[in-house]
PDB file of N, CA and C in Angstrom:
ATOM      1  N   UNK A   1     -26.165  35.418   6.971  1.00  0.00           N
ATOM      2  CA  UNK A   1     -26.417  34.060   6.577  1.00  0.00           C
ATOM      3  C   UNK A   1     -25.402  33.559   5.573  1.00  0.00           C
ATOM      4  N   UNK A   2     -24.494  34.374   5.180  1.00  0.00           N
ATOM      5  CA  UNK A   2     -23.472  33.970   4.224  1.00  0.00           C
ATOM      6  C   UNK A   2     -22.633  32.861   4.831  1.00  0.00           C
ATOM      7  N   UNK A   3     -22.366  31.803   4.014  1.00  0.00           N
ATOM      8  CA  UNK A   3     -21.526  30.715   4.477  1.00  0.00           C
ATOM      9  C   UNK A   3     -22.304  29.585   5.129  1.00  0.00           C
ATOM     10  N   UNK A   4     -23.579  29.762   5.427  1.00  0.00           N
ATOM     11  CA  UNK A   4     -24.350  28.679   6.039  1.00  0.00           C
ATOM     12  C   UNK A   4     -25.100  27.922   4.955  1.00  0.00           C
ATOM     13  N   UNK A   5     -25.415  26.650   5.237  1.00  0.00           N
ATOM     14  CA  UNK A   5     -26.186  25.860   4.278  1.00  0.00           C
ATOM     15  C   UNK A   5     -27.629  26.339   4.288  1.00  0.00           C
ATOM     16  N   UNK A   6     -28.107  26.684   3.123  1.00  0.00           N
ATOM     17  CA  UNK A   6     -29.485  27.138   3.000  1.00  0.00           C
ATOM     18  C   UNK A   6     -30.387  25.924   2.817  1.00  0.00           C
ATOM     19  N   UNK A   7     -31.569  25.923   3.392  1.00  0.00           N
ATOM     20  CA  UNK A   7     -32.456  24.775   3.248  1.00  0.00           C
ATOM     21  C   UNK A   7     -32.878  24.522   1.806  1.00  0.00           C
ATOM     22  N   UNK A   8     -32.884  25.545   0.972  1.00  0.00           N
ATOM     23  CA  UNK A   8     -33.315  25.368  -0.407  1.00  0.00           C
ATOM     24  C   UNK A   8     -32.158  25.009  -1.347  1.00  0.00           C
ATOM     25  N   UNK A   9     -30.999  24.717  -0.786  1.00  0.00           N
ATOM     26  CA  UNK A   9     -29.822  24.341  -1.575  1.00  0.00           C
ATOM     27  C   UNK A   9     -30.053  22.965  -2.198  1.00  0.00           C
ATOM     28  N   UNK A  10     -29.676  22.803  -3.443  1.00  0.00           N
ATOM     29  CA  UNK A  10     -29.810  21.523  -4.116  1.00  0.00           C
ATOM     30  C   UNK A  10     -28.699  20.599  -3.631  1.00  0.00           C
ATOM     31  N   UNK A  11     -29.087  19.388  -3.258  1.00  0.00           N
ATOM     32  CA  UNK A  11     -28.119  18.421  -2.747  1.00  0.00           C
ATOM     33  C   UNK A  11     -27.648  17.518  -3.877  1.00  0.00           C
ATOM     34  N   UNK A  12     -26.397  17.085  -3.739  1.00  0.00           N
ATOM     35  CA  UNK A  12     -25.850  16.165  -4.740  1.00  0.00           C
ATOM     36  C   UNK A  12     -26.426  14.770  -4.512  1.00  0.00           C
ATOM     37  N   UNK A  13     -26.273  13.921  -5.508  1.00  0.00           N
ATOM     38  CA  UNK A  13     -26.742  12.538  -5.383  1.00  0.00           C
ATOM     39  C   UNK A  13     -26.003  11.841  -4.244  1.00  0.00           C
ATOM     40  N   UNK A  14     -24.728  12.162  -4.064  1.00  0.00           N
ATOM     41  CA  UNK A  14     -23.936  11.578  -2.988  1.00  0.00           C
ATOM     42  C   UNK A  14     -24.522  11.958  -1.630  1.00  0.00           C
ATOM     43  N   UNK A  15     -24.840  13.245  -1.452  1.00  0.00           N
ATOM     44  CA  UNK A  15     -25.422  13.702  -0.184  1.00  0.00           C
ATOM     45  C   UNK A  15     -26.766  13.027   0.084  1.00  0.00           C
ATOM     46  N   UNK A  16     -27.574  12.887  -0.952  1.00  0.00           N
ATOM     47  CA  UNK A  16     -28.870  12.227  -0.790  1.00  0.00           C
ATOM     48  C   UNK A  16     -28.697  10.752  -0.420  1.00  0.00           C
ATOM     49  N   UNK A  17     -27.734  10.094  -1.046  1.00  0.00           N
ATOM     50  CA  UNK A  17     -27.469   8.688  -0.733  1.00  0.00           C
ATOM     51  C   UNK A  17     -27.000   8.533   0.707  1.00  0.00           C
ATOM     52  N   UNK A  18     -26.138   9.453   1.174  1.00  0.00           N
ATOM     53  CA  UNK A  18     -25.680   9.398   2.561  1.00  0.00           C
ATOM     54  C   UNK A  18     -26.842   9.581   3.530  1.00  0.00           C
ATOM     55  N   UNK A  19     -27.753  10.486   3.216  1.00  0.00           N
ATOM     56  CA  UNK A  19     -28.918  10.700   4.064  1.00  0.00           C
ATOM     57  C   UNK A  19     -29.786   9.448   4.118  1.00  0.00           C
ATOM     58  N   UNK A  20     -29.961   8.776   2.984  1.00  0.00           N
ATOM     59  CA  UNK A  20     -30.748   7.535   2.958  1.00  0.00           C
ATOM     60  C   UNK A  20     -30.085   6.458   3.808  1.00  0.00           C
ATOM     61  N   UNK A  21     -28.761   6.356   3.725  1.00  0.00           N
ATOM     62  CA  UNK A  21     -28.043   5.380   4.550  1.00  0.00           C
ATOM     63  C   UNK A  21     -28.244   5.668   6.032  1.00  0.00           C
ATOM     64  N   UNK A  22     -28.114   6.931   6.405  1.00  0.00           N
ATOM     65  CA  UNK A  22     -28.287   7.309   7.809  1.00  0.00           C
ATOM     66  C   UNK A  22     -29.713   7.038   8.271  1.00  0.00           C
ATOM     67  N   UNK A  23     -30.688   7.238   7.401  1.00  0.00           N
ATOM     68  CA  UNK A  23     -32.086   6.974   7.755  1.00  0.00           C
ATOM     69  C   UNK A  23     -32.304   5.481   8.015  1.00  0.00           C
ATOM     70  N   UNK A  24     -31.492   4.638   7.372  1.00  0.00           N
ATOM     71  CA  UNK A  24     -31.590   3.197   7.565  1.00  0.00           C
ATOM     72  C   UNK A  24     -30.733   2.726   8.736  1.00  0.00           C
ATOM     73  N   UNK A  25     -30.063   3.660   9.397  1.00  0.00           N
ATOM     74  CA  UNK A  25     -29.230   3.306  10.546  1.00  0.00           C
ATOM     75  C   UNK A  25     -27.835   2.856  10.173  1.00  0.00           C
ATOM     76  N   UNK A  26     -27.411   3.144   8.952  1.00  0.00           N
ATOM     77  CA  UNK A  26     -26.077   2.755   8.480  1.00  0.00           C
ATOM     78  C   UNK A  26     -25.161   3.969   8.586  1.00  0.00           C
ATOM     79  N   UNK A  27     -23.972   3.735   9.157  1.00  0.00           N
ATOM     80  CA  UNK A  27     -23.021   4.840   9.332  1.00  0.00           C
ATOM     81  C   UNK A  27     -22.506   5.340   7.986  1.00  0.00           C
ATOM     82  N   UNK A  28     -22.149   6.628   7.969  1.00  0.00           N
ATOM     83  CA  UNK A  28     -21.516   7.205   6.781  1.00  0.00           C
ATOM     84  C   UNK A  28     -20.157   6.549   6.586  1.00  0.00           C
ATOM     85  N   UNK A  29     -19.735   6.404   5.330  1.00  0.00           N
ATOM     86  CA  UNK A  29     -18.393   5.866   5.093  1.00  0.00           C
ATOM     87  C   UNK A  29     -17.341   6.824   5.648  1.00  0.00           C
ATOM     88  N   UNK A  30     -16.283   6.230   6.184  1.00  0.00           N
ATOM     89  CA  UNK A  30     -15.211   7.065   6.727  1.00  0.00           C
ATOM     90  C   UNK A  30     -14.444   7.714   5.597  1.00  0.00           C
ATOM     91  N   UNK A  31     -14.028   8.918   5.823  1.00  0.00           N
ATOM     92  CA  UNK A  31     -13.200   9.633   4.857  1.00  0.00           C
ATOM     93  C   UNK A  31     -11.743   9.377   5.214  1.00  0.00           C
ATOM     94  N   UNK A  32     -11.148   8.425   4.529  1.00  0.00           N
ATOM     95  CA  UNK A  32      -9.750   8.110   4.797  1.00  0.00           C
ATOM     96  C   UNK A  32      -8.871   8.984   3.911  1.00  0.00           C
ATOM     97  N   UNK A  33      -8.004   9.720   4.544  1.00  0.00           N
ATOM     98  CA  UNK A  33      -7.085  10.570   3.796  1.00  0.00           C
ATOM     99  C   UNK A  33      -5.803   9.783   3.562  1.00  0.00           C
ATOM    100  N   UNK A  34      -5.694   9.195   2.379  1.00  0.00           N
ATOM    101  CA  UNK A  34      -4.511   8.432   2.042  1.00  0.00           C
ATOM    102  C   UNK A  34      -3.540   9.328   1.287  1.00  0.00           C
ATOM    103  N   UNK A  35      -2.284   9.183   1.616  1.00  0.00           N
ATOM    104  CA  UNK A  35      -1.274   9.955   0.901  1.00  0.00           C
ATOM    105  C   UNK A  35      -1.090   9.370  -0.494  1.00  0.00           C
ATOM    106  N   UNK A  36      -0.495  10.150  -1.368  1.00  0.00           N
ATOM    107  CA  UNK A  36      -0.219   9.661  -2.722  1.00  0.00           C
ATOM    108  C   UNK A  36       0.689   8.439  -2.678  1.00  0.00           C
ATOM    109  N   UNK A  37       1.644   8.453  -1.761  1.00  0.00           N
ATOM    110  CA  UNK A  37       2.561   7.313  -1.629  1.00  0.00           C
ATOM    111  C   UNK A  37       1.801   6.061  -1.219  1.00  0.00           C
ATOM    112  N   UNK A  38       0.874   6.201  -0.254  1.00  0.00           N
ATOM    113  CA  UNK A  38       0.089   5.059   0.190  1.00  0.00           C
ATOM    114  C   UNK A  38      -0.790   4.541  -0.938  1.00  0.00           C
ATOM    115  N   UNK A  39      -1.402   5.440  -1.687  1.00  0.00           N
ATOM    116  CA  UNK A  39      -2.219   5.021  -2.833  1.00  0.00           C
ATOM    117  C   UNK A  39      -1.376   4.263  -3.852  1.00  0.00           C
ATOM    118  N   UNK A  40      -0.166   4.753  -4.075  1.00  0.00           N
ATOM    119  CA  UNK A  40       0.740   4.090  -5.014  1.00  0.00           C
ATOM    120  C   UNK A  40       1.096   2.693  -4.505  1.00  0.00           C
ATOM    121  N   UNK A  41       1.396   2.564  -3.223  1.00  0.00           N
ATOM    122  CA  UNK A  41       1.752   1.270  -2.645  1.00  0.00           C
ATOM    123  C   UNK A  41       0.573   0.299  -2.690  1.00  0.00           C
ATOM    124  N   UNK A  42      -0.635   0.806  -2.453  1.00  0.00           N
ATOM    125  CA  UNK A  42      -1.830  -0.036  -2.527  1.00  0.00           C
ATOM    126  C   UNK A  42      -2.037  -0.520  -3.959  1.00  0.00           C
ATOM    127  N   UNK A  43      -1.881   0.385  -4.914  1.00  0.00           N
ATOM    128  CA  UNK A  43      -2.027   0.009  -6.318  1.00  0.00           C
ATOM    129  C   UNK A  43      -0.986  -1.044  -6.705  1.00  0.00           C
ATOM    130  N   UNK A  44       0.227  -0.872  -6.226  1.00  0.00           N
ATOM    131  CA  UNK A  44       1.286  -1.834  -6.510  1.00  0.00           C
ATOM    132  C   UNK A  44       0.973  -3.185  -5.883  1.00  0.00           C
ATOM    133  N   UNK A  45       0.472  -3.185  -4.653  1.00  0.00           N
ATOM    134  CA  UNK A  45       0.097  -4.440  -3.993  1.00  0.00           C
ATOM    135  C   UNK A  45      -0.997  -5.152  -4.777  1.00  0.00           C
ATOM    136  N   UNK A  46      -1.941  -4.410  -5.294  1.00  0.00           N
ATOM    137  CA  UNK A  46      -3.020  -5.007  -6.095  1.00  0.00           C
ATOM    138  C   UNK A  46      -2.482  -5.557  -7.411  1.00  0.00           C
ATOM    139  N   UNK A  47      -1.534  -4.841  -8.034  1.00  0.00           N
ATOM    140  CA  UNK A  47      -0.937  -5.333  -9.278  1.00  0.00           C
ATOM    141  C   UNK A  47      -0.175  -6.635  -9.034  1.00  0.00           C
ATOM    142  N   UNK A  48       0.549  -6.704  -7.928  1.00  0.00           N
ATOM    143  CA  UNK A  48       1.292  -7.921  -7.592  1.00  0.00           C
ATOM    144  C   UNK A  48       0.323  -9.078  -7.380  1.00  0.00           C
ATOM    145  N   UNK A  49      -0.767  -8.825  -6.670  1.00  0.00           N
ATOM    146  CA  UNK A  49      -1.766  -9.866  -6.439  1.00  0.00           C
ATOM    147  C   UNK A  49      -2.355 -10.345  -7.758  1.00  0.00           C
ATOM    148  N   UNK A  50      -2.701  -9.418  -8.638  1.00  0.00           N
ATOM    149  CA  UNK A  50      -3.256  -9.788  -9.947  1.00  0.00           C
ATOM    150  C   UNK A  50      -2.252 -10.592 -10.762  1.00  0.00           C
ATOM    151  N   UNK A  51      -0.988 -10.228 -10.694  1.00  0.00           N
ATOM    152  CA  UNK A  51       0.051 -10.950 -11.438  1.00  0.00           C
ATOM    153  C   UNK A  51       0.209 -12.367 -10.888  1.00  0.00           C
ATOM    154  N   UNK A  52       0.190 -12.501  -9.578  1.00  0.00           N
ATOM    155  CA  UNK A  52       0.310 -13.825  -8.960  1.00  0.00           C
ATOM    156  C   UNK A  52      -0.884 -14.694  -9.337  1.00  0.00           C
ATOM    157  N   UNK A  53      -2.083 -14.095  -9.367  1.00  0.00           N
ATOM    158  CA  UNK A  53      -3.273 -14.850  -9.765  1.00  0.00           C
ATOM    159  C   UNK A  53      -3.192 -15.282 -11.224  1.00  0.00           C
ATOM    160  N   UNK A  54      -2.706 -14.397 -12.082  1.00  0.00           N
ATOM    161  CA  UNK A  54      -2.573 -14.727 -13.498  1.00  0.00           C
ATOM    162  C   UNK A  54      -1.582 -15.873 -13.688  1.00  0.00           C
ATOM    163  N   UNK A  55      -0.467 -15.808 -12.981  1.00  0.00           N
ATOM    164  CA  UNK A  55       0.529 -16.874 -13.068  1.00  0.00           C
ATOM    165  C   UNK A  55      -0.058 -18.197 -12.595  1.00  0.00           C
ATOM    166  N   UNK A  56      -0.773 -18.166 -11.481  1.00  0.00           N
ATOM    167  CA  UNK A  56      -1.398 -19.370 -10.944  1.00  0.00           C
ATOM    168  C   UNK A  56      -2.384 -19.966 -11.943  1.00  0.00           C
ATOM    169  N   UNK A  57      -3.174 -19.116 -12.564  1.00  0.00           N
ATOM    170  CA  UNK A  57      -4.171 -19.586 -13.526  1.00  0.00           C
ATOM    171  C   UNK A  57      -3.511 -20.212 -14.757  1.00  0.00           C
ATOM    172  N   UNK A  58      -2.455 -19.601 -15.244  1.00  0.00           N
ATOM    173  CA  UNK A  58      -1.733 -20.155 -16.402  1.00  0.00           C
ATOM    174  C   UNK A  58      -1.165 -21.527 -16.066  1.00  0.00           C
ATOM    175  N   UNK A  59      -0.521 -21.637 -14.910  1.00  0.00           N
ATOM    176  CA  UNK A  59       0.049 -22.919 -14.490  1.00  0.00           C
ATOM    177  C   UNK A  59      -1.045 -23.961 -14.286  1.00  0.00           C
ATOM    178  N   UNK A  60      -2.167 -23.533 -13.734  1.00  0.00           N
ATOM    179  CA  UNK A  60      -3.281 -24.448 -13.495  1.00  0.00           C
ATOM    180  C   UNK A  60      -3.808 -25.006 -14.820  1.00  0.00           C
ATOM    181  N   UNK A  61      -4.030 -24.149 -15.785  1.00  0.00           N
ATOM    182  CA  UNK A  61      -4.530 -24.608 -17.081  1.00  0.00           C
ATOM    183  C   UNK A  61      -3.543 -25.555 -17.754  1.00  0.00           C
ATOM    184  N   UNK A  62      -2.253 -25.245 -17.622  1.00  0.00           N
ATOM    185  CA  UNK A  62      -1.220 -26.110 -18.202  1.00  0.00           C
ATOM    186  C   UNK A  62      -1.255 -27.492 -17.545  1.00  0.00           C
ATOM    187  N   UNK A  63      -1.355 -27.523 -16.219  1.00  0.00           N
ATOM    188  CA  UNK A  63      -1.407 -28.810 -15.504  1.00  0.00           C
ATOM    189  C   UNK A  63      -2.667 -29.593 -15.857  1.00  0.00           C
ATOM    190  N   UNK A  64      -3.792 -28.885 -15.975  1.00  0.00           N
ATOM    191  CA  UNK A  64      -5.055 -29.559 -16.262  1.00  0.00           C
ATOM    192  C   UNK A  64      -5.026 -30.224 -17.645  1.00  0.00           C
ATOM    193  N   UNK A  65      -4.318 -29.624 -18.599  1.00  0.00           N
ATOM    194  CA  UNK A  65      -4.211 -30.214 -19.937  1.00  0.00           C
ATOM    195  C   UNK A  65      -3.481 -31.550 -19.903  1.00  0.00           C
ATOM    196  N   UNK A  66      -2.556 -31.671 -18.953  1.00  0.00           N
ATOM    197  CA  UNK A  66      -1.727 -32.876 -18.866  1.00  0.00           C
ATOM    198  C   UNK A  66      -2.377 -33.985 -18.048  1.00  0.00           C
ATOM    199  N   UNK A  67      -3.390 -33.663 -17.254  1.00  0.00           N
ATOM    200  CA  UNK A  67      -4.013 -34.657 -16.375  1.00  0.00           C
ATOM    201  C   UNK A  67      -5.229 -35.294 -17.031  1.00  0.00           C
ATOM    202  N   UNK A  68      -5.274 -36.622 -16.954  1.00  0.00           N
ATOM    203  CA  UNK A  68      -6.430 -37.324 -17.482  1.00  0.00           C
ATOM    204  C   UNK A  68      -7.232 -37.996 -16.378  1.00  0.00           C
ATOM    205  N   UNK A  69      -6.576 -38.352 -15.300  1.00  0.00           N
ATOM    206  CA  UNK A  69      -7.238 -39.042 -14.189  1.00  0.00           C
ATOM    207  C   UNK A  69      -8.179 -38.077 -13.468  1.00  0.00           C
ATOM    208  N   UNK A  70      -9.465 -38.428 -13.361  1.00  0.00           N
ATOM    209  CA  UNK A  70     -10.425 -37.533 -12.700  1.00  0.00           C
ATOM    210  C   UNK A  70     -10.055 -37.190 -11.247  1.00  0.00           C
ATOM    211  N   UNK A  71      -9.469 -38.139 -10.532  1.00  0.00           N
ATOM    212  CA  UNK A  71      -9.088 -37.877  -9.144  1.00  0.00           C
ATOM    213  C   UNK A  71      -7.966 -36.835  -9.091  1.00  0.00           C
ATOM    214  N   UNK A  72      -7.005 -36.964  -9.989  1.00  0.00           N
ATOM    215  CA  UNK A  72      -5.910 -35.984 -10.036  1.00  0.00           C
ATOM    216  C   UNK A  72      -6.420 -34.623 -10.472  1.00  0.00           C
ATOM    217  N   UNK A  73      -7.362 -34.595 -11.403  1.00  0.00           N
ATOM    218  CA  UNK A  73      -7.951 -33.323 -11.842  1.00  0.00           C
ATOM    219  C   UNK A  73      -8.684 -32.649 -10.684  1.00  0.00           C
ATOM    220  N   UNK A  74      -9.404 -33.456  -9.900  1.00  0.00           N
ATOM    221  CA  UNK A  74     -10.109 -32.908  -8.731  1.00  0.00           C
ATOM    222  C   UNK A  74      -9.126 -32.344  -7.716  1.00  0.00           C
ATOM    223  N   UNK A  75      -8.026 -33.072  -7.499  1.00  0.00           N
ATOM    224  CA  UNK A  75      -6.994 -32.593  -6.577  1.00  0.00           C
ATOM    225  C   UNK A  75      -6.411 -31.271  -7.070  1.00  0.00           C
ATOM    226  N   UNK A  76      -6.153 -31.202  -8.373  1.00  0.00           N
ATOM    227  CA  UNK A  76      -5.600 -29.970  -8.948  1.00  0.00           C
ATOM    228  C   UNK A  76      -6.582 -28.818  -8.822  1.00  0.00           C
ATOM    229  N   UNK A  77      -7.861 -29.078  -9.051  1.00  0.00           N
ATOM    230  CA  UNK A  77      -8.890 -28.034  -8.899  1.00  0.00           C
ATOM    231  C   UNK A  77      -8.935 -27.529  -7.461  1.00  0.00           C
ATOM    232  N   UNK A  78      -8.860 -28.458  -6.508  1.00  0.00           N
ATOM    233  CA  UNK A  78      -8.885 -28.072  -5.091  1.00  0.00           C
ATOM    234  C   UNK A  78      -7.638 -27.253  -4.747  1.00  0.00           C
ATOM    235  N   UNK A  79      -6.476 -27.692  -5.224  1.00  0.00           N
ATOM    236  CA  UNK A  79      -5.239 -26.952  -4.992  1.00  0.00           C
ATOM    237  C   UNK A  79      -5.348 -25.545  -5.570  1.00  0.00           C
ATOM    238  N   UNK A  80      -5.861 -25.438  -6.795  1.00  0.00           N
ATOM    239  CA  UNK A  80      -6.021 -24.140  -7.447  1.00  0.00           C
ATOM    240  C   UNK A  80      -6.927 -23.229  -6.623  1.00  0.00           C
ATOM    241  N   UNK A  81      -8.055 -23.764  -6.172  1.00  0.00           N
ATOM    242  CA  UNK A  81      -9.005 -22.970  -5.388  1.00  0.00           C
ATOM    243  C   UNK A  81      -8.370 -22.479  -4.090  1.00  0.00           C
ATOM    244  N   UNK A  82      -7.674 -23.374  -3.394  1.00  0.00           N
ATOM    245  CA  UNK A  82      -7.038 -22.993  -2.127  1.00  0.00           C
ATOM    246  C   UNK A  82      -5.943 -21.945  -2.337  1.00  0.00           C
ATOM    247  N   UNK A  83      -5.124 -22.128  -3.366  1.00  0.00           N
ATOM    248  CA  UNK A  83      -4.056 -21.168  -3.653  1.00  0.00           C
ATOM    249  C   UNK A  83      -4.625 -19.812  -4.056  1.00  0.00           C
ATOM    250  N   UNK A  84      -5.663 -19.829  -4.851  1.00  0.00           N
ATOM    251  CA  UNK A  84      -6.294 -18.578  -5.266  1.00  0.00           C
ATOM    252  C   UNK A  84      -6.839 -17.834  -4.050  1.00  0.00           C
ATOM    253  N   UNK A  85      -7.516 -18.561  -3.158  1.00  0.00           N
ATOM    254  CA  UNK A  85      -8.035 -17.945  -1.930  1.00  0.00           C
ATOM    255  C   UNK A  85      -6.908 -17.374  -1.072  1.00  0.00           C
ATOM    256  N   UNK A  86      -5.797 -18.123  -0.970  1.00  0.00           N
ATOM    257  CA  UNK A  86      -4.652 -17.669  -0.170  1.00  0.00           C
ATOM    258  C   UNK A  86      -4.048 -16.395  -0.746  1.00  0.00           C
ATOM    259  N   UNK A  87      -3.866 -16.366  -2.064  1.00  0.00           N
ATOM    260  CA  UNK A  87      -3.281 -15.185  -2.718  1.00  0.00           C
ATOM    261  C   UNK A  87      -4.187 -13.969  -2.531  1.00  0.00           C
ATOM    262  N   UNK A  88      -5.490 -14.158  -2.710  1.00  0.00           N
ATOM    263  CA  UNK A  88      -6.432 -13.048  -2.515  1.00  0.00           C
ATOM    264  C   UNK A  88      -6.428 -12.556  -1.070  1.00  0.00           C
ATOM    265  N   UNK A  89      -6.408 -13.495  -0.126  1.00  0.00           N
ATOM    266  CA  UNK A  89      -6.401 -13.130   1.292  1.00  0.00           C
ATOM    267  C   UNK A  89      -5.130 -12.355   1.652  1.00  0.00           C
ATOM    268  N   UNK A  90      -3.984 -12.837   1.162  1.00  0.00           N
ATOM    269  CA  UNK A  90      -2.726 -12.140   1.433  1.00  0.00           C
ATOM    270  C   UNK A  90      -2.725 -10.747   0.813  1.00  0.00           C
ATOM    271  N   UNK A  91      -3.259 -10.616  -0.385  1.00  0.00           N
ATOM    272  CA  UNK A  91      -3.346  -9.308  -1.029  1.00  0.00           C
ATOM    273  C   UNK A  91      -4.233  -8.355  -0.245  1.00  0.00           C
ATOM    274  N   UNK A  92      -5.382  -8.859   0.219  1.00  0.00           N
ATOM    275  CA  UNK A  92      -6.284  -8.032   1.023  1.00  0.00           C
ATOM    276  C   UNK A  92      -5.626  -7.608   2.334  1.00  0.00           C
ATOM    277  N   UNK A  93      -4.882  -8.530   2.948  1.00  0.00           N
ATOM    278  CA  UNK A  93      -4.188  -8.203   4.197  1.00  0.00           C
ATOM    279  C   UNK A  93      -3.113  -7.147   3.960  1.00  0.00           C
ATOM    280  N   UNK A  94      -2.401  -7.262   2.853  1.00  0.00           N
ATOM    281  CA  UNK A  94      -1.357  -6.292   2.527  1.00  0.00           C
ATOM    282  C   UNK A  94      -1.964  -4.903   2.352  1.00  0.00           C
ATOM    283  N   UNK A  95      -3.094  -4.820   1.640  1.00  0.00           N
ATOM    284  CA  UNK A  95      -3.759  -3.530   1.421  1.00  0.00           C
ATOM    285  C   UNK A  95      -4.274  -2.987   2.756  1.00  0.00           C
ATOM    286  N   UNK A  96      -4.832  -3.851   3.602  1.00  0.00           N
ATOM    287  CA  UNK A  96      -5.335  -3.400   4.903  1.00  0.00           C
ATOM    288  C   UNK A  96      -4.195  -2.841   5.759  1.00  0.00           C
ATOM    289  N   UNK A  97      -3.035  -3.490   5.729  1.00  0.00           N
ATOM    290  CA  UNK A  97      -1.879  -2.988   6.495  1.00  0.00           C
ATOM    291  C   UNK A  97      -1.440  -1.629   5.963  1.00  0.00           C
ATOM    292  N   UNK A  98      -1.433  -1.474   4.662  1.00  0.00           N
ATOM    293  CA  UNK A  98      -1.046  -0.188   4.075  1.00  0.00           C
ATOM    294  C   UNK A  98      -2.042   0.904   4.455  1.00  0.00           C
ATOM    295  N   UNK A  99      -3.325   0.577   4.429  1.00  0.00           N
ATOM    296  CA  UNK A  99      -4.352   1.555   4.808  1.00  0.00           C
ATOM    297  C   UNK A  99      -4.213   1.948   6.280  1.00  0.00           C
ATOM    298  N   UNK A 100      -3.841   0.971   7.107  1.00  0.00           N
ATOM    299  CA  UNK A 100      -3.695   1.235   8.546  1.00  0.00           C
ATOM    300  C   UNK A 100      -2.417   2.001   8.863  1.00  0.00           C
ATOM    301  N   UNK A 101      -1.502   2.039   7.892  1.00  0.00           N
ATOM    302  CA  UNK A 101      -0.273   2.794   8.108  1.00  0.00           C
ATOM    303  C   UNK A 101       0.866   1.976   8.661  1.00  0.00           C
ATOM    304  N   UNK A 102       0.760   0.661   8.608  1.00  0.00           N
ATOM    305  CA  UNK A 102       1.835  -0.206   9.125  1.00  0.00           C
ATOM    306  C   UNK A 102       2.955  -0.324   8.137  1.00  0.00           C
TER     307      UNK A 102
END
């Protein structure tokens, strides 16, 4: 019996959580084996996205200080929201491509 899982073995919290997910009909998370290089590239892509968002936010606040017209402020808010969504979407796509190995 050496090497086999014993029924009286204590399970980790992770193993118990996976069993609960499976009992609810939810698949186990995939074990993606990412290389160190891929992890580094993903981290870099996330840093670039965060930097772009920070730059956008700084510029947005600067523009908002200069605008007094409510219609122009609304336009700027809409532009900011759309740009923020675009930057986040592009960052997510970049990370997905890296995970896929492209």
